[in-house]
Protein backbone atom coordinates (compact mmCIF):
# COMPACT_ATOMS: atom_id res chain seq x y z
CA UNK A 1 13.67 -15.77 -60.98
CA UNK A 2 17.25 -15.19 -60.89
CA UNK A 3 19.59 -15.13 -57.95
CA UNK A 4 20.01 -11.55 -57.76
CA UNK A 5 16.34 -10.94 -58.05
CA UNK A 6 16.22 -13.48 -54.89
CA UNK A 7 18.51 -12.02 -53.07
CA UNK A 8 16.35 -8.57 -53.50
CA UNK A 9 13.36 -10.54 -52.75
CA UNK A 10 14.60 -11.47 -49.52
CA UNK A 11 15.85 -8.15 -48.22
CA UNK A 12 12.57 -6.54 -49.14
CA UNK A 13 11.34 -10.09 -46.87
CA UNK A 14 13.26 -8.54 -43.77
CA UNK A 15 12.36 -5.15 -44.04
CA UNK A 16 9.33 -6.26 -44.40
CA UNK A 17 9.34 -8.34 -41.05
CA UNK A 18 11.18 -5.40 -39.08
CA UNK A 19 8.29 -3.01 -39.99
CA UNK A 20 5.86 -6.13 -38.62
CA UNK A 21 7.80 -6.17 -35.65
CA UNK A 22 6.98 -2.92 -35.12
CA UNK A 23 3.77 -2.81 -34.19
CA UNK A 24 4.17 -5.54 -31.96
CA UNK A 25 4.05 -4.59 -27.93
CA UNK A 26 6.33 -7.58 -26.85
CA UNK A 27 7.63 -10.07 -28.90
CA UNK A 28 5.09 -13.16 -29.69
CA UNK A 29 5.97 -16.73 -27.49
CA UNK A 30 5.69 -19.60 -29.93
CA UNK A 31 4.58 -22.95 -29.07
CA UNK A 32 6.48 -25.35 -31.51
CA UNK A 33 4.12 -28.72 -31.45
CA UNK A 34 4.00 -31.74 -33.07
CA UNK A 35 4.66 -35.68 -32.95
CA UNK A 36 8.01 -37.33 -31.80
CA UNK A 37 10.29 -36.60 -34.81
CA UNK A 38 8.56 -34.43 -36.97
CA UNK A 39 11.34 -32.37 -37.31
CA UNK A 40 9.75 -29.25 -34.41
CA UNK A 41 13.60 -28.53 -33.22
CA UNK A 42 14.98 -28.26 -36.75
CA UNK A 43 12.36 -26.25 -37.90
CA UNK A 44 13.49 -23.51 -35.24
CA UNK A 45 17.04 -23.95 -36.08
CA UNK A 46 16.06 -23.64 -39.62
CA UNK A 47 14.03 -20.27 -38.96
CA UNK A 48 16.50 -18.74 -36.80
CA UNK A 49 19.17 -19.98 -40.18
CA UNK A 50 16.93 -17.78 -42.61
CA UNK A 51 17.06 -14.72 -40.29
CA UNK A 52 20.41 -14.40 -39.10
CA UNK A 53 22.36 -16.48 -41.77
CA UNK A 54 24.46 -18.86 -39.38
CA UNK A 55 23.24 -22.62 -38.53
CA UNK A 56 23.57 -23.72 -35.03
CA UNK A 57 22.17 -26.14 -32.37
CA UNK A 58 19.53 -23.60 -30.52
CA UNK A 59 17.19 -26.51 -30.26
CA UNK A 60 18.32 -29.87 -30.06
CA UNK A 61 18.27 -31.92 -32.84
CA UNK A 62 17.56 -36.27 -32.28
CA UNK A 63 16.41 -38.83 -34.74
CA UNK A 64 14.66 -42.13 -34.58
CA UNK A 65 11.55 -42.38 -32.46
CA UNK A 66 12.53 -41.68 -28.64
CA UNK A 67 12.47 -38.06 -26.95
CA UNK A 68 15.53 -35.80 -27.62
CA UNK A 69 13.55 -32.63 -26.58
CA UNK A 70 12.26 -33.16 -22.70
CA UNK A 71 12.35 -30.49 -21.50
CA UNK A 72 10.77 -26.60 -22.43
CA UNK A 73 13.31 -24.82 -23.27
CA UNK A 74 12.65 -21.01 -24.71
CA UNK A 75 14.61 -19.78 -27.14
CA UNK A 76 14.12 -15.59 -27.23
CA UNK A 77 15.76 -13.33 -29.23
CA UNK A 78 18.91 -12.56 -26.67
CA UNK A 79 20.06 -16.02 -27.47
CA UNK A 80 20.24 -15.98 -31.57
CA UNK A 81 20.44 -12.41 -32.74
CA UNK A 82 23.35 -10.09 -31.93
CA UNK A 83 22.84 -7.49 -34.73
CA UNK A 84 22.75 -4.03 -33.27
CA UNK A 85 18.52 -3.75 -34.04
CA UNK A 86 16.19 -4.54 -30.86
CA UNK A 87 13.16 -6.54 -32.85
CA UNK A 88 10.41 -7.82 -31.11
CA UNK A 89 11.61 -10.94 -32.69
CA UNK A 90 9.49 -14.26 -31.31
CA UNK A 91 10.39 -16.55 -28.79
CA UNK A 92 10.13 -20.10 -29.67
CA UNK A 93 9.10 -22.33 -27.38
CA UNK A 94 10.37 -26.08 -27.90
CA UNK A 95 8.59 -29.09 -25.85
CA UNK A 96 8.37 -32.54 -25.61
CA UNK A 97 7.01 -34.59 -28.68
CA UNK A 98 3.59 -35.33 -28.31
CA UNK A 99 2.89 -39.25 -28.20
CA UNK A 100 -0.59 -40.74 -29.37
CA UNK A 101 -0.74 -43.08 -26.12
CA UNK A 102 -1.23 -40.01 -23.79
CA UNK A 103 -4.63 -39.22 -26.18
CA UNK A 104 -7.38 -41.01 -25.13
CA UNK A 105 -10.78 -39.39 -26.71
CA UNK A 106 -13.02 -40.64 -24.31
CA UNK A 107 -11.63 -38.08 -21.67
CA UNK A 108 -11.92 -34.66 -21.30
CA UNK A 109 -8.30 -34.05 -20.09
CA UNK A 110 -5.36 -36.12 -21.44
CA UNK A 111 -2.03 -36.17 -20.04
CA UNK A 112 -1.15 -34.15 -23.59
CA UNK A 113 -3.91 -31.24 -23.32
CA UNK A 114 -2.80 -30.84 -19.59
CA UNK A 115 0.66 -30.51 -20.48
CA UNK A 116 -0.44 -28.05 -23.20
CA UNK A 117 -2.70 -25.86 -21.39
CA UNK A 118 -0.28 -25.33 -18.34
CA UNK A 119 2.52 -24.51 -21.52
CA UNK A 120 0.00 -21.98 -23.00
CA UNK A 121 -0.69 -20.49 -19.67
CA UNK A 122 2.38 -20.07 -18.98
CA UNK A 123 3.04 -21.73 -16.28
CA UNK A 124 5.54 -23.82 -16.27
CA UNK A 125 9.04 -22.51 -15.47
CA UNK A 126 12.14 -22.85 -17.98
CA UNK A 127 13.52 -26.13 -18.74
CA UNK A 128 10.90 -28.01 -16.55
CA UNK A 129 11.18 -31.74 -17.07
CA UNK A 130 8.29 -32.40 -19.58
CA UNK A 131 8.64 -36.41 -19.33
CA UNK A 132 8.58 -36.36 -15.73
CA UNK A 133 5.61 -34.28 -15.80
CA UNK A 134 3.68 -36.96 -17.98
CA UNK A 135 4.69 -39.34 -16.58
CA UNK A 136 3.01 -38.14 -13.19
CA UNK A 137 -0.49 -36.73 -15.05
CA UNK A 138 -0.66 -40.50 -16.93
CA UNK A 139 0.08 -41.73 -12.83
CA UNK A 140 -3.10 -39.94 -11.72
CA UNK A 141 -0.99 -37.29 -10.00
CA UNK A 142 -2.08 -33.70 -10.43
CA UNK A 143 0.48 -30.66 -10.54
CA UNK A 144 0.39 -28.12 -7.57
CA UNK A 145 -1.57 -24.45 -8.23
CA UNK A 146 0.69 -23.06 -10.00
CA UNK A 147 0.19 -19.32 -10.79
CA UNK A 148 0.22 -18.15 -14.75
CA UNK A 149 2.73 -16.44 -15.63
CA UNK A 150 1.55 -13.50 -18.48
CA UNK A 151 4.71 -12.98 -19.69
CA UNK A 152 5.62 -16.32 -20.82
CA UNK A 153 2.00 -17.45 -21.89
CA UNK A 154 1.46 -19.15 -25.62
CA UNK A 155 0.62 -16.53 -28.78
CA UNK A 156 0.97 -18.18 -31.57
CA UNK A 157 1.08 -22.23 -32.29
CA UNK A 158 2.73 -23.75 -34.93
CA UNK A 159 1.86 -27.37 -35.49
CA UNK A 160 5.33 -29.13 -37.17
CA UNK A 161 3.79 -32.43 -39.54
CA UNK A 162 6.93 -34.45 -41.46
CA UNK A 163 5.34 -35.19 -44.77
CA UNK A 164 6.95 -38.30 -44.25
CA UNK A 165 4.71 -39.27 -41.55
CA UNK A 166 2.04 -37.41 -41.69
CA UNK A 167 -0.87 -39.28 -39.90
CA UNK A 168 -0.45 -37.31 -36.18
CA UNK A 169 -3.39 -39.11 -34.09
CA UNK A 170 -6.96 -37.24 -34.79
CA UNK A 171 -6.95 -37.42 -31.14
CA UNK A 172 -3.72 -34.93 -31.03
CA UNK A 173 -5.11 -33.13 -33.55
CA UNK A 174 -8.52 -32.36 -31.68
CA UNK A 175 -6.63 -31.60 -28.82
CA UNK A 176 -4.63 -28.73 -30.31
CA UNK A 177 -7.70 -28.13 -31.56
CA UNK A 178 -9.38 -27.88 -28.48
CA UNK A 179 -6.65 -26.30 -26.57
CA UNK A 180 -6.44 -23.33 -29.06
CA UNK A 181 -10.03 -22.84 -29.40
CA UNK A 182 -12.66 -23.83 -26.97
CA UNK A 183 -10.82 -23.86 -23.51
CA UNK A 184 -10.13 -20.14 -22.01
CA UNK A 185 -7.75 -18.82 -24.98
CA UNK A 186 -8.30 -18.53 -28.52
CA UNK A 187 -4.88 -18.43 -30.34
CA UNK A 188 -3.73 -18.30 -33.43
CA UNK A 189 -2.35 -21.74 -35.47
CA UNK A 190 -0.02 -22.04 -38.33
CA UNK A 191 0.87 -26.09 -39.95
CA UNK A 192 4.22 -26.67 -41.16
CA UNK A 193 5.49 -29.25 -43.49
CA UNK A 194 8.82 -30.84 -43.07
CA UNK A 195 11.03 -33.00 -45.20
CA UNK A 196 8.59 -31.99 -48.57
CA UNK A 197 11.56 -32.56 -50.38
CA UNK A 198 11.59 -36.22 -49.54
CA UNK A 199 8.12 -36.76 -50.51
CA UNK A 200 5.05 -36.72 -53.02
CA UNK A 201 3.26 -34.20 -51.52
CA UNK A 202 1.46 -33.13 -54.29
CA UNK A 203 0.55 -36.52 -55.53
CA UNK A 204 -1.06 -37.06 -51.54
CA UNK A 205 -2.25 -33.71 -51.11
CA UNK A 206 -0.64 -33.60 -47.59
CA UNK A 207 -0.80 -30.05 -47.55
CA UNK A 208 -5.13 -30.35 -48.36
CA UNK A 209 -5.21 -32.88 -45.92
CA UNK A 210 -3.14 -30.79 -42.69
CA UNK A 211 -5.61 -27.85 -42.98
CA UNK A 212 -8.53 -29.59 -42.33
CA UNK A 213 -7.17 -31.41 -39.80
CA UNK A 214 -6.09 -28.40 -37.93
CA UNK A 215 -8.58 -26.33 -39.15
CA UNK A 216 -6.45 -23.75 -40.89
CA UNK A 217 -5.97 -21.90 -44.56
CA UNK A 218 -3.43 -22.33 -46.64
CA UNK A 219 -1.67 -19.11 -46.61
CA UNK A 220 -0.94 -20.40 -42.94
CA UNK A 221 0.99 -23.78 -43.55
CA UNK A 222 4.32 -23.43 -44.70
CA UNK A 223 5.41 -26.55 -46.70
CA UNK A 224 9.70 -26.93 -46.34
CA UNK A 225 12.90 -28.74 -46.13
CA UNK A 226 14.77 -27.92 -42.73
CA UNK A 227 18.00 -27.40 -42.86
CA UNK A 228 21.09 -29.16 -41.26
CA UNK A 229 24.41 -28.54 -39.42
CA UNK A 230 25.94 -28.75 -43.09
CA UNK A 231 24.28 -26.89 -45.43
CA UNK A 232 24.74 -23.65 -46.60
CA UNK A 233 21.97 -20.62 -46.85
CA UNK A 234 19.39 -20.98 -49.12
CA UNK A 235 17.92 -18.25 -50.03
CA UNK A 236 14.96 -20.06 -51.98
CA UNK A 237 14.22 -21.28 -48.19
CA UNK A 238 14.99 -18.63 -46.82
CA UNK A 239 12.03 -16.68 -49.26
CA UNK A 240 9.58 -19.22 -48.09
CA UNK A 241 10.39 -19.51 -43.96
CA UNK A 242 10.20 -15.43 -44.19
CA UNK A 243 7.33 -15.29 -46.10
CA UNK A 244 5.80 -17.54 -43.40
CA UNK A 245 7.10 -15.55 -40.46
CA UNK A 246 5.42 -12.36 -41.34
CA UNK A 247 2.06 -13.84 -41.59
CA UNK A 248 3.05 -15.64 -38.04
CA UNK A 249 4.37 -12.11 -36.45
CA UNK A 250 1.17 -10.35 -37.85
CA UNK A 251 -0.20 -8.05 -34.99
CA UNK A 252 -3.79 -8.64 -36.22
CA UNK A 253 -3.28 -12.19 -35.46
CA UNK A 254 -3.16 -12.13 -31.60
CA UNK A 255 -3.97 -14.62 -28.60
CA UNK A 256 -6.99 -13.40 -26.74
CA UNK A 257 -8.79 -14.79 -23.57
CA UNK A 258 -12.06 -16.20 -23.85
CA UNK A 259 -15.25 -14.13 -21.54
CA UNK A 260 -16.98 -16.87 -20.65
CA UNK A 261 -20.88 -16.05 -19.62
CA UNK A 262 -22.20 -16.72 -16.52
CA UNK A 263 -26.20 -18.96 -17.09
CA UNK A 264 -28.56 -20.28 -15.01
CA UNK A 265 -31.08 -23.08 -15.54
CA UNK A 266 -34.64 -21.80 -16.60
CA UNK A 267 -37.07 -21.89 -14.04
CA UNK A 268 -39.65 -24.64 -14.04
CA UNK A 269 -42.67 -24.96 -13.08
CA UNK A 270 -44.09 -28.65 -11.63
CA UNK A 271 -47.17 -29.57 -13.42
CA UNK A 272 -49.12 -29.62 -10.56
CA UNK A 273 -48.77 -26.31 -9.30
CA UNK A 274 -49.87 -23.13 -11.13
CA UNK A 275 -49.19 -20.32 -11.26
CA UNK A 276 -51.39 -17.76 -9.16
CA UNK A 277 -52.37 -15.97 -11.93
CA UNK A 278 -53.94 -19.02 -14.08
CA UNK A 279 -55.01 -20.25 -10.80
CA UNK A 280 -56.89 -17.08 -10.69
CA UNK A 281 -58.81 -17.23 -13.87
CA UNK A 282 -59.78 -20.87 -13.02
CA UNK A 283 -61.82 -19.71 -9.73
CA UNK A 284 -63.85 -17.21 -12.21
CA UNK A 285 -64.58 -18.83 -14.58
CA UNK A 286 -65.84 -21.58 -11.56
CA UNK A 287 -67.80 -18.85 -9.71
CA UNK A 288 -69.16 -17.86 -13.41
CA UNK A 289 -70.28 -21.20 -14.32
CA UNK A 290 -72.22 -21.95 -10.66
CA UNK A 291 -73.45 -18.14 -11.10
CA UNK A 292 -75.03 -19.01 -14.83
CA UNK A 293 -76.52 -23.06 -13.10
CA UNK A 294 -78.61 -20.74 -10.00
CA UNK A 295 -79.55 -18.31 -13.06
CA UNK A 296 -81.09 -20.97 -15.32
CA UNK A 297 -82.33 -22.67 -12.80
CA UNK A 298 -84.33 -19.98 -11.21
CA UNK A 299 -85.18 -18.44 -14.51
CA UNK A 300 -86.92 -22.32 -15.03
CA UNK A 301 -88.58 -21.90 -12.19
CA UNK A 302 -90.39 -18.40 -12.57
CA UNK A 303 -90.99 -20.03 -16.12
CA UNK A 304 -93.19 -22.61 -14.82
CA UNK A 305 -94.84 -20.63 -12.03
CA UNK A 306 -95.91 -18.46 -14.95
CA UNK A 307 -97.05 -21.62 -17.21
CA UNK A 308 -99.20 -22.41 -13.78
CA UNK A 309 -100.98 -19.52 -13.10
CA UNK A 310 -102.16 -19.36 -16.47
């Protein structure tokens, strides 16, 4: 595909995205999760770059093995979209990177899962200090009761993983799956594999491993390299990001609240207590047996007397 065809393809995808967004009643709240340094914030900036053609620090970008994002930040269309079109472009929710040490497979609710659950249900306000909250939860403290805000509830989850370090804890993967599928809601999950230009993705089949780990189809996985501040627009990169965003914003792929059915224990009958009907049958059988015995005795006596008289 030549440059002119690529440019035309990008225009077509933008139009398709606009048509997709028209079918949404409101912008989707998309939670971006992943390990420390996976490229979550850079991915948000890259998506906005693909949409607007301009790079900016909408999400603060860091490096190394320490948290750069420590609070919850919601980046809505009013922040990054200044064009005349009023589109239901998504709100990206940037949060702290998951620490595998805060995931314990022996616990039903870990620090990571509790934080994720609060965010999913819209219980945490903007700029909530997630690092401080995680420390308090780790120390055994419980958050005060918080009302759910439906306008902040999560509609989709994107798991961002670096191709350079794709061994995100299996415990974390399991927690993401539980929170997205088995707790209170069923939420569409997507995957993004970043830094693919710096690793041997095809040789190591990392993409297949990621899809298996978070239980998604391959068409819900984006493999890309994030934009850097000094980068010029890249049509190839924009095309892949827009195709992915169209899938994420599909109105048919929506979060639903799971309706849990109440059940009661099945009644059990103690072995020494039989149902009344069974007792009645047993009494009738005993009475019938006694009658048969009496009749047999009377018959024997009558036969004896008859024989004696003869």
